[in-house]
Amino acid sequence: MSRQKVRVRIPASTANLGPGFDTLGMALELYAWIDMEIAETTKIHLHGEQLRGIATDKKNLVYKVAQQVFAAAGVEYPELEISMYSDIPLTRGLGSSASAIVGGMFAANALIGNKLTNDELFLLATQLEDHPDNVGASLYGGIVVAFWDGERAESIRIEPNDRLEVLVAIPDFHLATEKARNVLPKQVSMKDAVFNVSHSSLLVAALCTGNLPAIRLAMKDALHQPYRATLIPGMEMILRDAELHGALGVALSGAGPTLLALVDKHEPNKARLEQFLLNSLRSQNVNAQLLWLNPSSKGVELLSVDSEFHTLFEKAKGEVRA
C-alpha cells in the first residue's frame, strides 16, 4: 500500500573507529529529517544552516536516490516534493552524505509500501557510497561491522554499551572525502596490515563484550590516520595524548576533519578532556565545536507526519547537546 507522504529521521554516523577502515560504523544521536511526497512538479525545500549550497533541483542527492529505489522496485514517480532539515555538518566526517542516501532511499521505499527490504536498501546504498560503514550505521543503528567486495554487502549489528559516550571535536573547516582518500598509499606493508587486523578484531571484541578498558589498546591505526594527520593540524597530538586526559580511545571520524573520543559515562575528567581537545586544535590555529553525543541504538525511522515541517525543524534544534 502506497503512502501519500512520509517523514523519516536519520542518525549521523562515524566510521572506522580507528583501525576498522571501511568496515566499522557507529550511529550517533545527531539527526537529519526528510519529508517526501509524490507531486505534480518537483520541489525541494531546505531548512537549516547545514544544508547551505545543496542542490534544490533534480540533481539533489535525496531526489536521485529516491529515483534509484523506484527503478529497483519497478515503479515511476518522476516528480517529488521533498523537505529536508539537518543538524549533521557537511563534509566533516559525520556521515552527512550517508544520512542523505539512507534517508532518501528509506523514505522513497516507505512511500511505495516498502517494496524493497532493508538489506536491499543497504546494498543499493553501499553501491553508491562504495563503502558500507556509514550507510550501515545510519540504516540499522548501533555499531555495524560490515564488508563490501564490490558485489556483496553484509553487516552484523552490535548494541552499543550503555556506558559508552562520544565527544566529537568538529573543526571549522571542510575536508572532502576524496581529498582525504587521495593521501592514502596504494599499498601497505604486511606489518601494518597485521597491526590493523589485530587491533580491529580486538576493538570489535571489546565492543561486543563491554570490555571498555580494552578500547584503549584497540583504537590504534596504521592504515589511514598517520597519512591523514597531515591534513588536520593538531590531530597527531590528540591521537597520541587524549587517553591521558580521560578518553577511552580516540580516532579520526571517517575521513575527518572531526575527531572523536569514546568516553566512559562515569569518567570524572570530562572537562579536562574537552579542554585538551580545544587547546590542541587552537595551538594550531584551528577553532572547533565540541558536542557530547550518545551512540544511537536506532537507525533510520519512519515518523508520523503530525506537524508542519517548519515546526518540526524548529523543535529539532533543541535535541542537540553542545
C-alpha atoms as a PDB file:
ATOM      1  CA  MET A   1       0.000   0.000   0.000  1.00  0.00           C
ATOM      2  CA  SER A   2       1.423   3.369  -1.014  1.00  0.00           C
ATOM      3  CA  ARG A   3       1.546   6.384   1.283  1.00  0.00           C
ATOM      4  CA  GLN A   4       0.684   9.973   0.404  1.00  0.00           C
ATOM      5  CA  LYS A   5       3.546  11.464   2.419  1.00  0.00           C
ATOM      6  CA  VAL A   6       6.318  10.139   4.640  1.00  0.00           C
ATOM      7  CA  ARG A   7       8.689  11.622   7.210  1.00  0.00           C
ATOM      8  CA  VAL A   8      11.921   9.961   8.275  1.00  0.00           C
ATOM      9  CA  ARG A   9      14.633  10.711  10.826  1.00  0.00           C
ATOM     10  CA  ILE A  10      18.194   9.573  10.105  1.00  0.00           C
ATOM     11  CA  PRO A  11      21.100   9.437  12.573  1.00  0.00           C
ATOM     12  CA  ALA A  12      24.571  10.706  11.806  1.00  0.00           C
ATOM     13  CA  SER A  13      27.397   8.200  11.874  1.00  0.00           C
ATOM     14  CA  THR A  14      31.085   7.853  12.475  1.00  0.00           C
ATOM     15  CA  ALA A  15      33.190   5.379  10.510  1.00  0.00           C
ATOM     16  CA  ASN A  16      36.390   3.414  11.065  1.00  0.00           C
ATOM     17  CA  LEU A  17      36.690   3.956  14.870  1.00  0.00           C
ATOM     18  CA  GLY A  18      40.434   3.927  14.286  1.00  0.00           C
ATOM     19  CA  PRO A  19      41.544   0.562  12.865  1.00  0.00           C
ATOM     20  CA  GLY A  20      38.277  -0.586  11.224  1.00  0.00           C
ATOM     21  CA  PHE A  21      38.917   1.204   7.936  1.00  0.00           C
ATOM     22  CA  ASP A  22      35.775   0.985   5.741  1.00  0.00           C
ATOM     23  CA  THR A  23      34.367  -1.794   7.965  1.00  0.00           C
ATOM     24  CA  LEU A  24      33.220  -0.285  11.285  1.00  0.00           C
ATOM     25  CA  GLY A  25      30.497   2.337  11.734  1.00  0.00           C
ATOM     26  CA  MET A  26      28.507   3.708  14.653  1.00  0.00           C
ATOM     27  CA  ALA A  27      25.251   5.667  14.583  1.00  0.00           C
ATOM     28  CA  LEU A  28      25.150   8.875  16.645  1.00  0.00           C
ATOM     29  CA  GLU A  29      22.292  10.829  18.190  1.00  0.00           C
ATOM     30  CA  LEU A  30      22.645  13.724  15.770  1.00  0.00           C
ATOM     31  CA  TYR A  31      19.953  13.769  13.114  1.00  0.00           C
ATOM     32  CA  ALA A  32      18.579  14.769   9.742  1.00  0.00           C
ATOM     33  CA  TRP A  33      14.872  14.784   8.821  1.00  0.00           C
ATOM     34  CA  ILE A  34      13.280  14.281   5.408  1.00  0.00           C
ATOM     35  CA  ASP A  35       9.673  14.698   4.292  1.00  0.00           C
ATOM     36  CA  MET A  36       8.804  13.194   0.901  1.00  0.00           C
ATOM     37  CA  GLU A  37       5.620  13.016  -1.150  1.00  0.00           C
ATOM     38  CA  ILE A  38       4.649  12.325  -4.733  1.00  0.00           C
ATOM     39  CA  ALA A  39       3.894  15.596  -6.539  1.00  0.00           C
ATOM     40  CA  GLU A  40       2.979  17.094  -9.897  1.00  0.00           C
ATOM     41  CA  THR A  41       6.155  19.189 -10.011  1.00  0.00           C
ATOM     42  CA  THR A  42       9.439  18.565  -8.196  1.00  0.00           C
ATOM     43  CA  LYS A  43      10.073  20.988  -5.338  1.00  0.00           C
ATOM     44  CA  ILE A  44      12.884  20.704  -2.807  1.00  0.00           C
ATOM     45  CA  HIS A  45      12.859  22.769   0.384  1.00  0.00           C
ATOM     46  CA  LEU A  46      15.985  23.085   2.539  1.00  0.00           C
ATOM     47  CA  HIS A  47      15.938  24.214   6.171  1.00  0.00           C
ATOM     48  CA  GLY A  48      18.876  24.918   8.475  1.00  0.00           C
ATOM     49  CA  GLU A  49      22.444  26.168   8.155  1.00  0.00           C
ATOM     50  CA  GLN A  50      23.920  22.712   7.490  1.00  0.00           C
ATOM     51  CA  LEU A  51      22.222  22.389   4.084  1.00  0.00           C
ATOM     52  CA  ARG A  52      23.537  25.571   2.506  1.00  0.00           C
ATOM     53  CA  GLY A  53      24.679  25.001  -1.054  1.00  0.00           C
ATOM     54  CA  ILE A  54      22.753  21.758  -1.523  1.00  0.00           C
ATOM     55  CA  ALA A  55      21.002  21.389  -4.889  1.00  0.00           C
ATOM     56  CA  THR A  56      17.295  22.246  -4.961  1.00  0.00           C
ATOM     57  CA  ASP A  57      16.514  20.604  -8.304  1.00  0.00           C
ATOM     58  CA  LYS A  58      16.660  17.046  -9.624  1.00  0.00           C
ATOM     59  CA  LYS A  59      20.423  17.000  -9.017  1.00  0.00           C
ATOM     60  CA  ASN A  60      19.663  16.807  -5.303  1.00  0.00           C
ATOM     61  CA  LEU A  61      21.109  13.609  -3.795  1.00  0.00           C
ATOM     62  CA  VAL A  62      17.923  12.695  -1.899  1.00  0.00           C
ATOM     63  CA  TYR A  63      15.862  13.059  -5.073  1.00  0.00           C
ATOM     64  CA  LYS A  64      18.344  10.953  -7.088  1.00  0.00           C
ATOM     65  CA  VAL A  65      18.485   8.077  -4.599  1.00  0.00           C
ATOM     66  CA  ALA A  66      14.695   8.052  -4.361  1.00  0.00           C
ATOM     67  CA  GLN A  67      14.575   7.514  -8.121  1.00  0.00           C
ATOM     68  CA  GLN A  68      17.031   4.616  -7.758  1.00  0.00           C
ATOM     69  CA  VAL A  69      14.660   2.951  -5.289  1.00  0.00           C
ATOM     70  CA  PHE A  70      11.681   3.480  -7.596  1.00  0.00           C
ATOM     71  CA  ALA A  71      13.646   1.985 -10.503  1.00  0.00           C
ATOM     72  CA  ALA A  72      14.676  -1.041  -8.423  1.00  0.00           C
ATOM     73  CA  ALA A  73      11.052  -1.536  -7.371  1.00  0.00           C
ATOM     74  CA  GLY A  74       9.760  -1.180 -10.934  1.00  0.00           C
ATOM     75  CA  VAL A  75       7.685   1.964 -10.377  1.00  0.00           C
ATOM     76  CA  GLU A  76       7.862   5.519 -11.733  1.00  0.00           C
ATOM     77  CA  TYR A  77       7.346   8.706  -9.771  1.00  0.00           C
ATOM     78  CA  PRO A  78       9.465  11.353 -11.510  1.00  0.00           C
ATOM     79  CA  GLU A  79       8.065  14.309  -9.556  1.00  0.00           C
ATOM     80  CA  LEU A  80       8.539  14.625  -5.794  1.00  0.00           C
ATOM     81  CA  GLU A  81       8.191  17.296  -3.142  1.00  0.00           C
ATOM     82  CA  ILE A  82      10.965  16.978  -0.568  1.00  0.00           C
ATOM     83  CA  SER A  83      11.664  18.959   2.620  1.00  0.00           C
ATOM     84  CA  MET A  84      14.925  18.493   4.497  1.00  0.00           C
ATOM     85  CA  TYR A  85      16.449  19.672   7.764  1.00  0.00           C
ATOM     86  CA  SER A  86      19.782  18.509   9.165  1.00  0.00           C
ATOM     87  CA  ASP A  87      21.948  19.050  12.233  1.00  0.00           C
ATOM     88  CA  ILE A  88      24.707  16.934  10.667  1.00  0.00           C
ATOM     89  CA  PRO A  89      27.543  19.145   9.386  1.00  0.00           C
ATOM     90  CA  LEU A  90      28.575  18.604   5.759  1.00  0.00           C
ATOM     91  CA  THR A  91      31.992  17.179   4.810  1.00  0.00           C
ATOM     92  CA  ARG A  92      33.141  16.884   8.414  1.00  0.00           C
ATOM     93  CA  GLY A  93      33.335  13.088   8.748  1.00  0.00           C
ATOM     94  CA  LEU A  94      29.956  12.535  10.426  1.00  0.00           C
ATOM     95  CA  GLY A  95      28.218  10.717   7.602  1.00  0.00           C
ATOM     96  CA  SER A  96      26.189  13.571   6.109  1.00  0.00           C
ATOM     97  CA  SER A  97      26.109  12.015   2.636  1.00  0.00           C
ATOM     98  CA  ALA A  98      25.302   8.557   4.049  1.00  0.00           C
ATOM     99  CA  SER A  99      22.403  10.007   6.044  1.00  0.00           C
ATOM    100  CA  ALA A 100      21.029  11.659   2.891  1.00  0.00           C
ATOM    101  CA  ILE A 101      21.371   8.431   0.912  1.00  0.00           C
ATOM    102  CA  VAL A 102      19.801   6.238   3.585  1.00  0.00           C
ATOM    103  CA  GLY A 103      17.084   8.778   4.348  1.00  0.00           C
ATOM    104  CA  GLY A 104      16.175   9.303   0.713  1.00  0.00           C
ATOM    105  CA  MET A 105      16.086   5.581  -0.025  1.00  0.00           C
ATOM    106  CA  PHE A 106      14.144   4.694   3.122  1.00  0.00           C
ATOM    107  CA  ALA A 107      11.598   7.466   2.548  1.00  0.00           C
ATOM    108  CA  ALA A 108      11.085   6.509  -1.098  1.00  0.00           C
ATOM    109  CA  ASN A 109      10.666   2.862  -0.156  1.00  0.00           C
ATOM    110  CA  ALA A 110       8.137   3.731   2.543  1.00  0.00           C
ATOM    111  CA  LEU A 111       6.271   5.910   0.052  1.00  0.00           C
ATOM    112  CA  ILE A 112       5.675   2.888  -2.214  1.00  0.00           C
ATOM    113  CA  GLY A 113       4.737   0.428   0.529  1.00  0.00           C
ATOM    114  CA  ASN A 114       8.220  -0.954   1.360  1.00  0.00           C
ATOM    115  CA  LYS A 115       8.663  -2.980  -1.810  1.00  0.00           C
ATOM    116  CA  LEU A 116      12.382  -3.397  -1.016  1.00  0.00           C
ATOM    117  CA  THR A 117      13.827  -4.961   2.137  1.00  0.00           C
ATOM    118  CA  ASN A 118      16.289  -3.099   4.347  1.00  0.00           C
ATOM    119  CA  ASP A 119      19.007  -5.468   3.146  1.00  0.00           C
ATOM    120  CA  GLU A 120      18.255  -4.462  -0.445  1.00  0.00           C
ATOM    121  CA  LEU A 121      18.418  -0.804   0.557  1.00  0.00           C
ATOM    122  CA  PHE A 122      21.743  -1.496   2.289  1.00  0.00           C
ATOM    123  CA  LEU A 123      23.164  -2.948  -0.908  1.00  0.00           C
ATOM    124  CA  LEU A 124      21.918  -0.012  -3.012  1.00  0.00           C
ATOM    125  CA  ALA A 125      23.336   2.499  -0.534  1.00  0.00           C
ATOM    126  CA  THR A 126      26.675   0.693  -0.294  1.00  0.00           C
ATOM    127  CA  GLN A 127      26.996   0.562  -4.074  1.00  0.00           C
ATOM    128  CA  LEU A 128      26.538   4.314  -4.184  1.00  0.00           C
ATOM    129  CA  GLU A 129      28.850   5.154  -1.247  1.00  0.00           C
ATOM    130  CA  ASP A 130      31.366   2.422  -2.179  1.00  0.00           C
ATOM    131  CA  HIS A 131      31.820   1.529   1.495  1.00  0.00           C
ATOM    132  CA  PRO A 132      29.268   0.077   3.924  1.00  0.00           C
ATOM    133  CA  ASP A 133      30.202   1.557   7.311  1.00  0.00           C
ATOM    134  CA  ASN A 134      28.347   4.882   7.404  1.00  0.00           C
ATOM    135  CA  VAL A 135      25.266   3.747   5.479  1.00  0.00           C
ATOM    136  CA  GLY A 136      25.033   0.584   7.575  1.00  0.00           C
ATOM    137  CA  ALA A 137      25.138   2.572  10.815  1.00  0.00           C
ATOM    138  CA  SER A 138      22.522   5.100   9.641  1.00  0.00           C
ATOM    139  CA  LEU A 139      20.245   2.327   8.349  1.00  0.00           C
ATOM    140  CA  TYR A 140      20.456  -0.190  11.195  1.00  0.00           C
ATOM    141  CA  GLY A 141      21.628   1.930  14.142  1.00  0.00           C
ATOM    142  CA  GLY A 142      24.092   0.867  16.823  1.00  0.00           C
ATOM    143  CA  ILE A 143      27.560  -0.299  15.821  1.00  0.00           C
ATOM    144  CA  VAL A 144      27.862  -2.035  12.459  1.00  0.00           C
ATOM    145  CA  VAL A 145      30.614  -4.396  11.332  1.00  0.00           C
ATOM    146  CA  ALA A 146      30.394  -4.746   7.566  1.00  0.00           C
ATOM    147  CA  PHE A 147      32.150  -5.647   4.352  1.00  0.00           C
ATOM    148  CA  TRP A 148      31.739  -4.763   0.691  1.00  0.00           C
ATOM    149  CA  ASP A 149      33.576  -6.685  -2.036  1.00  0.00           C
ATOM    150  CA  GLY A 150      32.193  -4.748  -4.974  1.00  0.00           C
ATOM    151  CA  GLU A 151      29.221  -7.080  -5.410  1.00  0.00           C
ATOM    152  CA  ARG A 152      28.022  -8.183  -1.995  1.00  0.00           C
ATOM    153  CA  ALA A 153      27.441  -6.168   1.167  1.00  0.00           C
ATOM    154  CA  GLU A 154      26.966  -7.867   4.539  1.00  0.00           C
ATOM    155  CA  SER A 155      26.779  -6.495   8.067  1.00  0.00           C
ATOM    156  CA  ILE A 156      26.354  -7.515  11.697  1.00  0.00           C
ATOM    157  CA  ARG A 157      24.967  -5.066  14.241  1.00  0.00           C
ATOM    158  CA  ILE A 158      26.302  -4.649  17.792  1.00  0.00           C
ATOM    159  CA  GLU A 159      24.248  -2.950  20.519  1.00  0.00           C
ATOM    160  CA  PRO A 160      26.328  -0.091  21.997  1.00  0.00           C
ATOM    161  CA  ASN A 161      27.312  -0.406  25.648  1.00  0.00           C
ATOM    162  CA  ASP A 162      25.174   1.783  27.937  1.00  0.00           C
ATOM    163  CA  ARG A 163      28.294   3.387  29.429  1.00  0.00           C
ATOM    164  CA  LEU A 164      29.680   4.482  26.092  1.00  0.00           C
ATOM    165  CA  GLU A 165      29.586   8.203  25.321  1.00  0.00           C
ATOM    166  CA  VAL A 166      31.086  10.132  22.435  1.00  0.00           C
ATOM    167  CA  LEU A 167      32.801  13.522  22.418  1.00  0.00           C
ATOM    168  CA  VAL A 168      33.369  14.988  18.961  1.00  0.00           C
ATOM    169  CA  ALA A 169      35.535  17.970  18.094  1.00  0.00           C
ATOM    170  CA  ILE A 170      34.340  19.445  14.800  1.00  0.00           C
ATOM    171  CA  PRO A 171      36.943  21.790  13.250  1.00  0.00           C
ATOM    172  CA  ASP A 172      35.672  24.859  11.435  1.00  0.00           C
ATOM    173  CA  PHE A 173      36.917  23.740   8.023  1.00  0.00           C
ATOM    174  CA  HIS A 174      35.654  21.237   5.460  1.00  0.00           C
ATOM    175  CA  LEU A 175      37.581  18.195   4.268  1.00  0.00           C
ATOM    176  CA  ALA A 176      36.292  16.366   1.210  1.00  0.00           C
ATOM    177  CA  THR A 177      36.403  12.572   1.454  1.00  0.00           C
ATOM    178  CA  GLU A 178      38.094  12.417  -1.943  1.00  0.00           C
ATOM    179  CA  LYS A 179      40.964  14.613  -0.723  1.00  0.00           C
ATOM    180  CA  ALA A 180      41.325  12.537   2.446  1.00  0.00           C
ATOM    181  CA  ARG A 181      41.459   9.329   0.385  1.00  0.00           C
ATOM    182  CA  ASN A 182      43.979  10.730  -2.074  1.00  0.00           C
ATOM    183  CA  VAL A 183      46.668  10.995   0.629  1.00  0.00           C
ATOM    184  CA  LEU A 184      46.472   7.263   1.365  1.00  0.00           C
ATOM    185  CA  PRO A 185      49.095   4.899  -0.067  1.00  0.00           C
ATOM    186  CA  LYS A 186      48.074   2.416  -2.758  1.00  0.00           C
ATOM    187  CA  GLN A 187      49.918  -0.388  -0.968  1.00  0.00           C
ATOM    188  CA  VAL A 188      50.716  -1.058   2.685  1.00  0.00           C
ATOM    189  CA  SER A 189      53.216  -3.317   4.401  1.00  0.00           C
ATOM    190  CA  MET A 190      52.324  -6.713   5.823  1.00  0.00           C
ATOM    191  CA  LYS A 191      53.301  -5.343   9.244  1.00  0.00           C
ATOM    192  CA  ASP A 192      50.741  -2.515   9.026  1.00  0.00           C
ATOM    193  CA  ALA A 193      48.045  -4.858   7.673  1.00  0.00           C
ATOM    194  CA  VAL A 194      48.520  -7.283  10.576  1.00  0.00           C
ATOM    195  CA  PHE A 195      48.571  -4.355  13.014  1.00  0.00           C
ATOM    196  CA  ASN A 196      45.158  -3.210  11.843  1.00  0.00           C
ATOM    197  CA  VAL A 197      43.603  -6.664  11.618  1.00  0.00           C
ATOM    198  CA  SER A 198      44.638  -7.410  15.222  1.00  0.00           C
ATOM    199  CA  HIS A 199      43.539  -4.040  16.593  1.00  0.00           C
ATOM    200  CA  SER A 200      40.240  -4.020  14.699  1.00  0.00           C
ATOM    201  CA  SER A 201      39.484  -7.559  15.907  1.00  0.00           C
ATOM    202  CA  LEU A 202      40.257  -6.582  19.493  1.00  0.00           C
ATOM    203  CA  LEU A 203      38.065  -3.478  19.178  1.00  0.00           C
ATOM    204  CA  VAL A 204      35.101  -5.499  17.923  1.00  0.00           C
ATOM    205  CA  ALA A 205      35.582  -7.997  20.758  1.00  0.00           C
ATOM    206  CA  ALA A 206      35.755  -5.162  23.295  1.00  0.00           C
ATOM    207  CA  LEU A 207      32.572  -3.586  21.939  1.00  0.00           C
ATOM    208  CA  CYS A 208      30.735  -6.916  21.884  1.00  0.00           C
ATOM    209  CA  THR A 209      31.693  -7.867  25.439  1.00  0.00           C
ATOM    210  CA  GLY A 210      31.519  -4.418  27.047  1.00  0.00           C
ATOM    211  CA  ASN A 211      35.197  -4.542  27.950  1.00  0.00           C
ATOM    212  CA  LEU A 212      35.675  -0.773  27.831  1.00  0.00           C
ATOM    213  CA  PRO A 213      39.276  -0.746  29.164  1.00  0.00           C
ATOM    214  CA  ALA A 214      40.348  -2.838  26.155  1.00  0.00           C
ATOM    215  CA  ILE A 215      39.279   0.007  23.876  1.00  0.00           C
ATOM    216  CA  ARG A 216      42.419   1.895  24.976  1.00  0.00           C
ATOM    217  CA  LEU A 217      44.542  -0.824  23.412  1.00  0.00           C
ATOM    218  CA  ALA A 218      42.373  -1.407  20.368  1.00  0.00           C
ATOM    219  CA  MET A 219      41.723   2.039  18.824  1.00  0.00           C
ATOM    220  CA  LYS A 220      45.088   2.308  17.111  1.00  0.00           C
ATOM    221  CA  ASP A 221      45.538   2.525  13.362  1.00  0.00           C
ATOM    222  CA  ALA A 222      48.359   2.262  10.847  1.00  0.00           C
ATOM    223  CA  LEU A 223      46.452   2.360   7.544  1.00  0.00           C
ATOM    224  CA  HIS A 224      44.894   5.819   7.252  1.00  0.00           C
ATOM    225  CA  GLN A 225      45.262   8.098  10.285  1.00  0.00           C
ATOM    226  CA  PRO A 226      49.047   8.622  10.061  1.00  0.00           C
ATOM    227  CA  TYR A 227      48.624   9.857   6.481  1.00  0.00           C
ATOM    228  CA  ARG A 228      45.537  11.997   7.101  1.00  0.00           C
ATOM    229  CA  ALA A 229      47.144  13.702  10.102  1.00  0.00           C
ATOM    230  CA  THR A 230      48.968  15.943   7.632  1.00  0.00           C
ATOM    231  CA  LEU A 231      45.585  17.423   6.633  1.00  0.00           C
ATOM    232  CA  ILE A 232      44.357  18.190  10.173  1.00  0.00           C
ATOM    233  CA  PRO A 233      46.559  20.386  12.383  1.00  0.00           C
ATOM    234  CA  GLY A 234      46.575  19.166  15.978  1.00  0.00           C
ATOM    235  CA  MET A 235      45.380  15.667  15.138  1.00  0.00           C
ATOM    236  CA  GLU A 236      48.689  13.928  15.825  1.00  0.00           C
ATOM    237  CA  MET A 237      48.862  15.348  19.360  1.00  0.00           C
ATOM    238  CA  ILE A 238      45.246  14.399  20.063  1.00  0.00           C
ATOM    239  CA  LEU A 239      45.710  10.817  18.852  1.00  0.00           C
ATOM    240  CA  ARG A 240      48.813  10.485  20.992  1.00  0.00           C
ATOM    241  CA  ASP A 241      47.668  12.064  24.262  1.00  0.00           C
ATOM    242  CA  ALA A 242      43.847  12.080  24.543  1.00  0.00           C
ATOM    243  CA  GLU A 243      43.841   8.890  26.623  1.00  0.00           C
ATOM    244  CA  LEU A 244      45.926  10.726  29.237  1.00  0.00           C
ATOM    245  CA  HIS A 245      43.068  13.204  29.620  1.00  0.00           C
ATOM    246  CA  GLY A 246      40.128  10.834  30.127  1.00  0.00           C
ATOM    247  CA  ALA A 247      39.366   9.263  26.743  1.00  0.00           C
ATOM    248  CA  LEU A 248      38.918   5.509  26.383  1.00  0.00           C
ATOM    249  CA  GLY A 249      40.226   5.915  22.859  1.00  0.00           C
ATOM    250  CA  VAL A 250      40.336   8.500  20.123  1.00  0.00           C
ATOM    251  CA  ALA A 251      40.125   8.419  16.339  1.00  0.00           C
ATOM    252  CA  LEU A 252      39.547  10.449  13.247  1.00  0.00           C
ATOM    253  CA  SER A 253      35.822  10.312  12.481  1.00  0.00           C
ATOM    254  CA  GLY A 254      35.510   8.883   8.996  1.00  0.00           C
ATOM    255  CA  ALA A 255      37.682  10.855   6.609  1.00  0.00           C
ATOM    256  CA  GLY A 256      37.724  13.808   9.025  1.00  0.00           C
ATOM    257  CA  PRO A 257      38.338  16.507   9.951  1.00  0.00           C
ATOM    258  CA  THR A 258      36.155  15.710  13.007  1.00  0.00           C
ATOM    259  CA  LEU A 259      37.983  13.952  15.826  1.00  0.00           C
ATOM    260  CA  LEU A 260      36.110  11.527  18.048  1.00  0.00           C
ATOM    261  CA  ALA A 261      36.773  10.338  21.578  1.00  0.00           C
ATOM    262  CA  LEU A 262      35.000   7.365  23.129  1.00  0.00           C
ATOM    263  CA  VAL A 263      34.431   8.059  26.807  1.00  0.00           C
ATOM    264  CA  ASP A 264      33.072   6.119  29.790  1.00  0.00           C
ATOM    265  CA  LYS A 265      29.983   7.992  31.045  1.00  0.00           C
ATOM    266  CA  HIS A 266      31.387   7.710  34.579  1.00  0.00           C
ATOM    267  CA  GLU A 267      34.698   9.340  33.608  1.00  0.00           C
ATOM    268  CA  PRO A 268      35.424  12.158  36.125  1.00  0.00           C
ATOM    269  CA  ASN A 269      37.749  14.110  33.810  1.00  0.00           C
ATOM    270  CA  LYS A 270      35.338  15.102  31.040  1.00  0.00           C
ATOM    271  CA  ALA A 271      36.026  18.833  31.406  1.00  0.00           C
ATOM    272  CA  ARG A 272      39.744  18.160  31.246  1.00  0.00           C
ATOM    273  CA  LEU A 273      39.284  16.147  28.054  1.00  0.00           C
ATOM    274  CA  GLU A 274      37.212  18.935  26.485  1.00  0.00           C
ATOM    275  CA  GLN A 275      39.918  21.488  27.274  1.00  0.00           C
ATOM    276  CA  PHE A 276      42.649  19.236  25.904  1.00  0.00           C
ATOM    277  CA  LEU A 277      40.865  18.797  22.578  1.00  0.00           C
ATOM    278  CA  LEU A 278      40.152  22.513  22.187  1.00  0.00           C
ATOM    279  CA  ASN A 279      43.638  23.596  23.237  1.00  0.00           C
ATOM    280  CA  SER A 280      45.333  21.075  20.952  1.00  0.00           C
ATOM    281  CA  LEU A 281      43.442  22.426  17.961  1.00  0.00           C
ATOM    282  CA  ARG A 282      43.748  26.091  18.981  1.00  0.00           C
ATOM    283  CA  SER A 283      47.511  25.686  19.306  1.00  0.00           C
ATOM    284  CA  GLN A 284      47.433  25.011  15.548  1.00  0.00           C
ATOM    285  CA  ASN A 285      45.059  27.940  14.864  1.00  0.00           C
ATOM    286  CA  VAL A 286      42.058  25.649  14.407  1.00  0.00           C
ATOM    287  CA  ASN A 287      38.745  26.530  16.040  1.00  0.00           C
ATOM    288  CA  ALA A 288      36.346  23.685  16.782  1.00  0.00           C
ATOM    289  CA  GLN A 289      32.892  22.955  18.149  1.00  0.00           C
ATOM    290  CA  LEU A 290      32.525  20.255  20.795  1.00  0.00           C
ATOM    291  CA  LEU A 291      29.454  18.024  21.045  1.00  0.00           C
ATOM    292  CA  TRP A 292      28.697  15.289  23.553  1.00  0.00           C
ATOM    293  CA  LEU A 293      26.682  12.598  21.787  1.00  0.00           C
ATOM    294  CA  ASN A 294      25.320   9.182  22.630  1.00  0.00           C
ATOM    295  CA  PRO A 295      25.553   6.257  20.246  1.00  0.00           C
ATOM    296  CA  SER A 296      22.167   5.847  18.569  1.00  0.00           C
ATOM    297  CA  SER A 297      20.654   2.402  19.040  1.00  0.00           C
ATOM    298  CA  LYS A 298      18.067   3.275  16.408  1.00  0.00           C
ATOM    299  CA  GLY A 299      18.770   3.640  12.716  1.00  0.00           C
ATOM    300  CA  VAL A 300      16.563   5.481  10.260  1.00  0.00           C
ATOM    301  CA  GLU A 301      12.951   5.711  11.495  1.00  0.00           C
ATOM    302  CA  LEU A 302       9.592   6.371   9.892  1.00  0.00           C
ATOM    303  CA  LEU A 303       7.844   9.118  11.876  1.00  0.00           C
ATOM    304  CA  SER A 304       4.249  10.229  11.957  1.00  0.00           C
ATOM    305  CA  VAL A 305       3.535  13.337   9.904  1.00  0.00           C
ATOM    306  CA  ASP A 306       1.801  15.226  12.687  1.00  0.00           C
ATOM    307  CA  SER A 307       3.159  18.752  12.224  1.00  0.00           C
ATOM    308  CA  GLU A 308       4.261  21.163   9.543  1.00  0.00           C
ATOM    309  CA  PHE A 309       7.903  20.720   8.599  1.00  0.00           C
ATOM    310  CA  HIS A 310       8.949  24.230   9.682  1.00  0.00           C
ATOM    311  CA  THR A 311       7.543  23.454  13.156  1.00  0.00           C
ATOM    312  CA  LEU A 312       9.453  20.171  13.171  1.00  0.00           C
ATOM    313  CA  PHE A 313      12.865  21.634  12.431  1.00  0.00           C
ATOM    314  CA  GLU A 314      12.427  24.462  14.955  1.00  0.00           C
ATOM    315  CA  LYS A 315      11.727  21.809  17.591  1.00  0.00           C
ATOM    316  CA  ALA A 316      14.632  19.681  16.338  1.00  0.00           C
ATOM    317  CA  LYS A 317      17.186  22.322  17.266  1.00  0.00           C
ATOM    318  CA  GLY A 318      16.613  21.530  20.922  1.00  0.00           C
ATOM    319  CA  GLU A 319      17.627  17.889  20.511  1.00  0.00           C
ATOM    320  CA  VAL A 320      21.354  18.572  20.062  1.00  0.00           C
ATOM    321  CA  ARG A 321      23.558  18.771  23.136  1.00  0.00           C
ATOM    322  CA  ALA A 322      26.518  21.149  22.986  1.00  0.00           C
END
